[in-house]
PDB file of N, CA and C in Angstrom:
ATOM      1  N   MET A   1     -12.559   3.659  -3.420  1.00  0.00           N
ATOM      2  CA  MET A   1     -11.832   2.444  -2.041  1.00  0.00           C
ATOM      3  C   MET A   1     -12.863   2.211  -1.397  1.00  0.00           C
ATOM      4  N   ILE A   2     -13.444   3.220  -0.850  1.00  0.00           N
ATOM      5  CA  ILE A   2     -14.139   2.850   0.219  1.00  0.00           C
ATOM      6  C   ILE A   2     -15.704   1.805  -0.068  1.00  0.00           C
ATOM      7  N   GLN A   3     -15.775   1.764  -1.186  1.00  0.00           N
ATOM      8  CA  GLN A   3     -16.759   1.330  -1.876  1.00  0.00           C
ATOM      9  C   GLN A   3     -16.553  -0.294  -1.918  1.00  0.00           C
ATOM     10  N   GLU A   4     -15.342  -0.569  -2.204  1.00  0.00           N
ATOM     11  CA  GLU A   4     -14.880  -1.613  -2.532  1.00  0.00           C
ATOM     12  C   GLU A   4     -14.659  -2.410  -0.887  1.00  0.00           C
ATOM     13  N   LEU A   5     -14.021  -1.526  -0.122  1.00  0.00           N
ATOM     14  CA  LEU A   5     -13.808  -2.089   1.285  1.00  0.00           C
ATOM     15  C   LEU A   5     -15.652  -2.834   1.998  1.00  0.00           C
ATOM     16  N   GLY A   6     -16.263  -1.429   1.306  1.00  0.00           N
ATOM     17  CA  GLY A   6     -17.592  -1.734   2.010  1.00  0.00           C
ATOM     18  C   GLY A   6     -18.150  -3.299   1.397  1.00  0.00           C
ATOM     19  N   GLN A   7     -18.098  -3.267   0.079  1.00  0.00           N
ATOM     20  CA  GLN A   7     -18.588  -4.500  -0.487  1.00  0.00           C
ATOM     21  C   GLN A   7     -17.472  -6.122  -0.008  1.00  0.00           C
ATOM     22  N   GLU A   8     -16.776  -5.743   0.245  1.00  0.00           N
ATOM     23  CA  GLU A   8     -15.835  -6.978   1.088  1.00  0.00           C
ATOM     24  C   GLU A   8     -16.474  -7.148   2.421  1.00  0.00           C
ATOM     25  N   ILE A   9     -16.117  -5.822   2.917  1.00  0.00           N
ATOM     26  CA  ILE A   9     -17.370  -6.280   4.532  1.00  0.00           C
ATOM     27  C   ILE A   9     -18.616  -7.190   4.154  1.00  0.00           C
ATOM     28  N   ILE A  10     -19.594  -6.721   3.725  1.00  0.00           N
ATOM     29  CA  ILE A  10     -20.598  -7.259   3.226  1.00  0.00           C
ATOM     30  C   ILE A  10     -20.652  -9.200   2.679  1.00  0.00           C
ATOM     31  N   VAL A  11     -19.588  -9.581   1.916  1.00  0.00           N
ATOM     32  CA  VAL A  11     -19.251 -10.991   2.042  1.00  0.00           C
ATOM     33  C   VAL A  11     -18.672 -11.575   3.120  1.00  0.00           C
ATOM     34  N   LEU A  12     -17.699 -10.520   3.635  1.00  0.00           N
ATOM     35  CA  LEU A  12     -17.223 -11.309   4.976  1.00  0.00           C
ATOM     36  C   LEU A  12     -18.479 -11.757   6.070  1.00  0.00           C
ATOM     37  N   ARG A  13     -19.429 -10.932   5.815  1.00  0.00           N
ATOM     38  CA  ARG A  13     -20.439 -10.552   7.007  1.00  0.00           C
ATOM     39  C   ARG A  13     -21.288 -11.510   6.429  1.00  0.00           C
ATOM     40  N   ARG A  14     -21.783 -11.614   5.246  1.00  0.00           N
ATOM     41  CA  ARG A  14     -22.557 -13.060   4.657  1.00  0.00           C
ATOM     42  C   ARG A  14     -22.206 -14.308   4.464  1.00  0.00           C
ATOM     43  N   GLU A  15     -20.980 -14.582   4.460  1.00  0.00           N
ATOM     44  CA  GLU A  15     -20.216 -16.024   4.578  1.00  0.00           C
ATOM     45  C   GLU A  15     -20.323 -16.165   6.107  1.00  0.00           C
ATOM     46  N   LYS A  16     -20.112 -15.393   6.836  1.00  0.00           N
ATOM     47  CA  LYS A  16     -20.220 -15.907   8.142  1.00  0.00           C
ATOM     48  C   LYS A  16     -21.165 -15.773   9.009  1.00  0.00           C
ATOM     49  N   LYS A  17     -22.631 -15.782   8.286  1.00  0.00           N
ATOM     50  CA  LYS A  17     -24.123 -15.291   8.685  1.00  0.00           C
ATOM     51  C   LYS A  17     -24.239 -14.226   9.863  1.00  0.00           C
ATOM     52  N   VAL A  18     -23.454 -13.344   9.735  1.00  0.00           N
ATOM     53  CA  VAL A  18     -23.492 -12.762  10.845  1.00  0.00           C
ATOM     54  C   VAL A  18     -24.476 -10.738  10.433  1.00  0.00           C
ATOM     55  N   SER A  19     -25.638 -10.463  11.249  1.00  0.00           N
ATOM     56  CA  SER A  19     -26.145  -9.374  10.711  1.00  0.00           C
ATOM     57  C   SER A  19     -25.144  -8.223  11.096  1.00  0.00           C
ATOM     58  N   GLN A  20     -25.766  -6.770  10.438  1.00  0.00           N
ATOM     59  CA  GLN A  20     -25.176  -5.539  10.637  1.00  0.00           C
ATOM     60  C   GLN A  20     -24.983  -5.527  12.472  1.00  0.00           C
ATOM     61  N   GLN A  21     -26.428  -5.617  13.089  1.00  0.00           N
ATOM     62  CA  GLN A  21     -26.437  -5.607  13.955  1.00  0.00           C
ATOM     63  C   GLN A  21     -25.405  -6.294  15.051  1.00  0.00           C
ATOM     64  N   VAL A  22     -25.377  -7.676  15.307  1.00  0.00           N
ATOM     65  CA  VAL A  22     -24.403  -8.755  15.674  1.00  0.00           C
ATOM     66  C   VAL A  22     -22.883  -7.877  15.356  1.00  0.00           C
ATOM     67  N   LEU A  23     -22.450  -7.466  14.147  1.00  0.00           N
ATOM     68  CA  LEU A  23     -21.141  -7.544  13.989  1.00  0.00           C
ATOM     69  C   LEU A  23     -21.279  -5.720  14.996  1.00  0.00           C
ATOM     70  N   ALA A  24     -22.049  -4.486  14.419  1.00  0.00           N
ATOM     71  CA  ALA A  24     -22.083  -3.591  15.179  1.00  0.00           C
ATOM     72  C   ALA A  24     -21.944  -3.703  17.121  1.00  0.00           C
ATOM     73  N   ASP A  25     -22.823  -4.872  17.247  1.00  0.00           N
ATOM     74  CA  ASP A  25     -22.839  -4.760  19.040  1.00  0.00           C
ATOM     75  C   ASP A  25     -21.044  -5.496  19.047  1.00  0.00           C
ATOM     76  N   ALA A  26     -20.723  -6.217  18.421  1.00  0.00           N
ATOM     77  CA  ALA A  26     -19.157  -6.847  18.918  1.00  0.00           C
ATOM     78  C   ALA A  26     -18.066  -6.447  18.824  1.00  0.00           C
ATOM     79  N   ILE A  27     -18.051  -5.057  18.180  1.00  0.00           N
ATOM     80  CA  ILE A  27     -17.214  -4.482  18.062  1.00  0.00           C
ATOM     81  C   ILE A  27     -17.268  -2.676  18.323  1.00  0.00           C
ATOM     82  N   GLY A  28     -18.651  -2.552  18.924  1.00  0.00           N
ATOM     83  CA  GLY A  28     -18.525  -1.298  19.967  1.00  0.00           C
ATOM     84  C   GLY A  28     -18.816  -0.203  18.670  1.00  0.00           C
ATOM     85  N   VAL A  29     -19.833  -0.404  17.502  1.00  0.00           N
ATOM     86  CA  VAL A  29     -20.354   0.908  16.760  1.00  0.00           C
ATOM     87  C   VAL A  29     -21.847   0.770  16.777  1.00  0.00           C
ATOM     88  N   SER A  30     -22.544   1.747  16.207  1.00  0.00           N
ATOM     89  CA  SER A  30     -23.549   1.476  15.688  1.00  0.00           C
ATOM     90  C   SER A  30     -24.048   0.604  14.530  1.00  0.00           C
ATOM     91  N   ARG A  31     -24.913   0.248  13.898  1.00  0.00           N
ATOM     92  CA  ARG A  31     -25.395  -0.403  13.038  1.00  0.00           C
ATOM     93  C   ARG A  31     -25.467   0.481  12.068  1.00  0.00           C
ATOM     94  N   ALA A  32     -25.625   2.150  12.235  1.00  0.00           N
ATOM     95  CA  ALA A  32     -25.940   2.877  11.289  1.00  0.00           C
ATOM     96  C   ALA A  32     -24.551   2.764  10.445  1.00  0.00           C
ATOM     97  N   THR A  33     -23.287   2.721  11.287  1.00  0.00           N
ATOM     98  CA  THR A  33     -22.129   3.049  10.881  1.00  0.00           C
ATOM     99  C   THR A  33     -21.722   1.518   9.957  1.00  0.00           C
ATOM    100  N   ILE A  34     -21.859   0.768  10.615  1.00  0.00           N
ATOM    101  CA  ILE A  34     -22.016  -0.682   9.298  1.00  0.00           C
ATOM    102  C   ILE A  34     -22.273  -0.526   8.355  1.00  0.00           C
ATOM    103  N   ASN A  35     -24.039   0.149   8.454  1.00  0.00           N
ATOM    104  CA  ASN A  35     -24.492   0.184   7.188  1.00  0.00           C
ATOM    105  C   ASN A  35     -23.871   1.159   5.988  1.00  0.00           C
ATOM    106  N   ALA A  36     -23.700   2.144   6.448  1.00  0.00           N
ATOM    107  CA  ALA A  36     -22.927   3.585   5.944  1.00  0.00           C
ATOM    108  C   ALA A  36     -21.751   2.945   5.163  1.00  0.00           C
ATOM    109  N   LEU A  37     -20.718   1.947   5.906  1.00  0.00           N
ATOM    110  CA  LEU A  37     -19.639   1.587   5.514  1.00  0.00           C
ATOM    111  C   LEU A  37     -19.665   0.414   4.422  1.00  0.00           C
ATOM    112  N   GLU A  38     -20.855  -0.251   4.518  1.00  0.00           N
ATOM    113  CA  GLU A  38     -21.214  -1.574   3.549  1.00  0.00           C
ATOM    114  C   GLU A  38     -21.524  -0.633   2.450  1.00  0.00           C
ATOM    115  N   ASN A  39     -22.250   0.354   2.408  1.00  0.00           N
ATOM    116  CA  ASN A  39     -22.740   1.139   1.441  1.00  0.00           C
ATOM    117  C   ASN A  39     -22.094   2.550   0.664  1.00  0.00           C
ATOM    118  N   GLY A  40     -20.760   2.447   1.098  1.00  0.00           N
ATOM    119  CA  GLY A  40     -20.176   3.347   0.435  1.00  0.00           C
ATOM    120  C   GLY A  40     -20.381   4.632   0.925  1.00  0.00           C
ATOM    121  N   ARG A  41     -21.057   5.183   2.067  1.00  0.00           N
ATOM    122  CA  ARG A  41     -21.498   6.194   2.411  1.00  0.00           C
ATOM    123  C   ARG A  41     -20.652   6.641   3.721  1.00  0.00           C
ATOM    124  N   SER A  42     -19.851   5.864   4.029  1.00  0.00           N
ATOM    125  CA  SER A  42     -19.416   6.557   5.508  1.00  0.00           C
ATOM    126  C   SER A  42     -17.554   7.303   5.015  1.00  0.00           C
ATOM    127  N   HIS A  43     -17.438   8.200   4.341  1.00  0.00           N
ATOM    128  CA  HIS A  43     -15.918   8.417   3.983  1.00  0.00           C
ATOM    129  C   HIS A  43     -15.135   9.042   4.887  1.00  0.00           C
ATOM    130  N   ASP A  44     -15.585   9.142   6.657  1.00  0.00           N
ATOM    131  CA  ASP A  44     -15.126   9.570   7.438  1.00  0.00           C
ATOM    132  C   ASP A  44     -14.991   8.407   8.758  1.00  0.00           C
ATOM    133  N   VAL A  45     -14.972   7.210   8.125  1.00  0.00           N
ATOM    134  CA  VAL A  45     -14.586   6.147   9.248  1.00  0.00           C
ATOM    135  C   VAL A  45     -13.404   5.783   9.505  1.00  0.00           C
ATOM    136  N   GLY A  46     -13.105   6.105  10.587  1.00  0.00           N
ATOM    137  CA  GLY A  46     -11.659   5.632  10.936  1.00  0.00           C
ATOM    138  C   GLY A  46     -10.888   4.433  11.004  1.00  0.00           C
ATOM    139  N   ILE A  47     -10.015   4.310  10.785  1.00  0.00           N
ATOM    140  CA  ILE A  47      -8.843   3.110  10.707  1.00  0.00           C
ATOM    141  C   ILE A  47      -9.004   2.166  11.594  1.00  0.00           C
ATOM    142  N   ARG A  48      -9.301   2.482  12.743  1.00  0.00           N
ATOM    143  CA  ARG A  48      -9.523   1.973  13.999  1.00  0.00           C
ATOM    144  C   ARG A  48     -10.297   1.289  13.692  1.00  0.00           C
ATOM    145  N   LYS A  49     -12.293   1.570  13.806  1.00  0.00           N
ATOM    146  CA  LYS A  49     -13.110   1.014  13.278  1.00  0.00           C
ATOM    147  C   LYS A  49     -13.067  -0.537  12.066  1.00  0.00           C
ATOM    148  N   VAL A  50     -12.400   0.123  11.321  1.00  0.00           N
ATOM    149  CA  VAL A  50     -11.846  -0.768   9.762  1.00  0.00           C
ATOM    150  C   VAL A  50     -11.101  -1.779  10.678  1.00  0.00           C
ATOM    151  N   MET A  51     -10.120  -1.664  11.224  1.00  0.00           N
ATOM    152  CA  MET A  51      -9.334  -2.853  11.836  1.00  0.00           C
ATOM    153  C   MET A  51     -10.271  -3.648  13.051  1.00  0.00           C
ATOM    154  N   LYS A  52     -11.515  -2.791  13.286  1.00  0.00           N
ATOM    155  CA  LYS A  52     -11.851  -3.887  14.534  1.00  0.00           C
ATOM    156  C   LYS A  52     -12.890  -4.997  13.848  1.00  0.00           C
ATOM    157  N   ILE A  53     -13.680  -4.222  12.531  1.00  0.00           N
ATOM    158  CA  ILE A  53     -14.632  -4.971  11.319  1.00  0.00           C
ATOM    159  C   ILE A  53     -13.240  -6.106  11.441  1.00  0.00           C
ATOM    160  N   LEU A  54     -12.086  -5.850  10.374  1.00  0.00           N
ATOM    161  CA  LEU A  54     -11.291  -7.235  10.223  1.00  0.00           C
ATOM    162  C   LEU A  54     -10.746  -7.936  11.353  1.00  0.00           C
ATOM    163  N   ASP A  55     -10.514  -7.185  12.264  1.00  0.00           N
ATOM    164  CA  ASP A  55     -10.009  -8.201  13.448  1.00  0.00           C
ATOM    165  C   ASP A  55     -11.362  -9.659  13.779  1.00  0.00           C
ATOM    166  N   PHE A  56     -12.443  -8.401  13.473  1.00  0.00           N
ATOM    167  CA  PHE A  56     -13.733  -9.440  13.869  1.00  0.00           C
ATOM    168  C   PHE A  56     -13.945 -10.858  12.865  1.00  0.00           C
ATOM    169  N   PHE A  57     -13.500 -10.179  11.529  1.00  0.00           N
ATOM    170  CA  PHE A  57     -13.687 -11.634  10.692  1.00  0.00           C
ATOM    171  C   PHE A  57     -12.132 -12.588   9.990  1.00  0.00           C
ATOM    172  N   ASN A  58     -11.093 -12.168  11.519  1.00  0.00           N
ATOM    173  CA  ASN A  58      -9.803 -12.473  11.607  1.00  0.00           C
ATOM    174  C   ASN A  58      -9.520 -12.290   9.694  1.00  0.00           C
ATOM    175  N   CYS A  59      -9.278 -11.256   9.343  1.00  0.00           N
ATOM    176  CA  CYS A  59      -8.836 -10.615   8.119  1.00  0.00           C
ATOM    177  C   CYS A  59      -7.513  -9.493   8.839  1.00  0.00           C
ATOM    178  N   GLU A  60      -7.318  -9.723   7.600  1.00  0.00           N
ATOM    179  CA  GLU A  60      -6.098  -8.116   7.583  1.00  0.00           C
ATOM    180  C   GLU A  60      -5.969  -7.046   6.366  1.00  0.00           C
ATOM    181  N   LEU A  61      -5.513  -5.649   6.991  1.00  0.00           N
ATOM    182  CA  LEU A  61      -5.660  -4.988   5.458  1.00  0.00           C
ATOM    183  C   LEU A  61      -4.441  -4.879   4.913  1.00  0.00           C
ATOM    184  N   CYS A  62      -4.315  -5.064   3.652  1.00  0.00           N
ATOM    185  CA  CYS A  62      -3.299  -5.228   2.781  1.00  0.00           C
ATOM    186  C   CYS A  62      -2.771  -3.907   2.238  1.00  0.00           C
ATOM    187  N   ILE A  63      -1.860  -3.356   1.812  1.00  0.00           N
ATOM    188  CA  ILE A  63      -1.628  -2.389   0.741  1.00  0.00           C
ATOM    189  C   ILE A  63      -0.555  -2.891  -0.314  1.00  0.00           C
ATOM    190  N   LYS A  64      -1.827  -2.398  -1.906  1.00  0.00           N
ATOM    191  CA  LYS A  64      -1.157  -3.175  -2.948  1.00  0.00           C
ATOM    192  C   LYS A  64      -0.910  -1.766  -4.047  1.00  0.00           C
ATOM    193  N   PRO A  65      -0.050  -1.363  -5.205  1.00  0.00           N
ATOM    194  CA  PRO A  65       0.122  -0.671  -6.240  1.00  0.00           C
ATOM    195  C   PRO A  65      -1.151  -0.656  -6.955  1.00  0.00           C
ATOM    196  N   ARG A  66      -1.783   0.432  -7.319  1.00  0.00           N
ATOM    197  CA  ARG A  66      -2.678   0.320  -8.143  1.00  0.00           C
ATOM    198  C   ARG A  66      -2.477  -0.539  -9.561  1.00  0.00           C
ATOM    199  N   THR A  67      -3.678  -0.781 -10.009  1.00  0.00           N
ATOM    200  CA  THR A  67      -2.840  -1.492 -11.661  1.00  0.00           C
ATOM    201  C   THR A  67      -3.262  -0.462 -12.739  1.00  0.00           C
ATOM    202  N   ARG A  68      -3.913  -0.046 -12.567  1.00  0.00           N
ATOM    203  CA  ARG A  68      -4.379   1.639 -13.568  1.00  0.00           C
ATOM    204  C   ARG A  68      -4.911   2.966 -12.754  1.00  0.00           C
ATOM    205  N   PHE A  69      -4.383   3.831 -13.149  1.00  0.00           N
ATOM    206  CA  PHE A  69      -4.837   5.299 -13.034  1.00  0.00           C
ATOM    207  C   PHE A  69      -6.098   5.806 -13.418  1.00  0.00           C
ATOM    208  N   PRO A  70      -7.057   6.152 -12.554  1.00  0.00           N
ATOM    209  CA  PRO A  70      -8.288   6.207 -12.304  1.00  0.00           C
ATOM    210  C   PRO A  70      -8.535   7.543 -13.382  1.00  0.00           C
ATOM    211  N   THR A  71     -10.176   7.009 -14.201  1.00  0.00           N
ATOM    212  CA  THR A  71      -9.985   8.153 -15.245  1.00  0.00           C
ATOM    213  C   THR A  71     -10.547   9.443 -14.788  1.00  0.00           C
ATOM    214  N   PHE A  72     -11.461  10.362 -15.359  1.00  0.00           N
ATOM    215  CA  PHE A  72     -11.669  11.735 -15.199  1.00  0.00           C
ATOM    216  C   PHE A  72     -13.073  11.440 -14.365  1.00  0.00           C
ATOM    217  N   GLU A  73     -13.607  10.619 -14.608  1.00  0.00           N
ATOM    218  CA  GLU A  73     -14.988  10.617 -14.326  1.00  0.00           C
ATOM    219  C   GLU A  73     -15.137   9.991 -12.990  1.00  0.00           C
ATOM    220  N   GLU A  74     -13.945   9.044 -12.531  1.00  0.00           N
ATOM    221  CA  GLU A  74     -14.290   8.342 -11.401  1.00  0.00           C
ATOM    222  C   GLU A  74     -13.677   9.414 -10.387  1.00  0.00           C
ATOM    223  N   LEU A  75     -12.803  10.210 -10.808  1.00  0.00           N
ATOM    224  CA  LEU A  75     -12.374  11.432  -9.657  1.00  0.00           C
ATOM    225  C   LEU A  75     -12.800  12.112  -9.535  1.00  0.00           C
ATOM    226  N   ARG A  76     -13.671  12.352 -11.213  1.00  0.00           N
ATOM    227  CA  ARG A  76     -15.123  13.481 -10.434  1.00  0.00           C
ATOM    228  C   ARG A  76     -16.181  13.281  -9.823  1.00  0.00           C
ATOM    229  N   ASP A  77     -16.398  11.849  -9.912  1.00  0.00           N
ATOM    230  CA  ASP A  77     -17.127  11.118  -8.841  1.00  0.00           C
ATOM    231  C   ASP A  77     -16.784  10.629  -7.661  1.00  0.00           C
ATOM    232  N   GLY A  78     -15.798  10.779  -7.311  1.00  0.00           N
ATOM    233  CA  GLY A  78     -15.193  10.568  -5.960  1.00  0.00           C
ATOM    234  C   GLY A  78     -15.076   9.062  -5.827  1.00  0.00           C
ATOM    235  N   GLN A  79     -14.694   8.343  -6.837  1.00  0.00           N
ATOM    236  CA  GLN A  79     -14.271   7.019  -6.395  1.00  0.00           C
ATOM    237  C   GLN A  79     -13.901   6.484  -6.893  1.00  0.00           C
TER     238      GLN A  79
END
């Protein structure tokens, strides 16, 4: 799930032609935090930071049911 969120943030950022540094400065986090989130390496990013990013892009977080159960491999690999 964190990987999917990171990929969506990349898409939003590129559509708006915003660099990681500009986004980081605008919401008050480090560029390394943005980079880690976009690359699925930041499993401890807080919801407040995610909400700041989404607010920056005028987006919202939605919850929906999963369409399928994860496979054993996905669970094992933490996906």
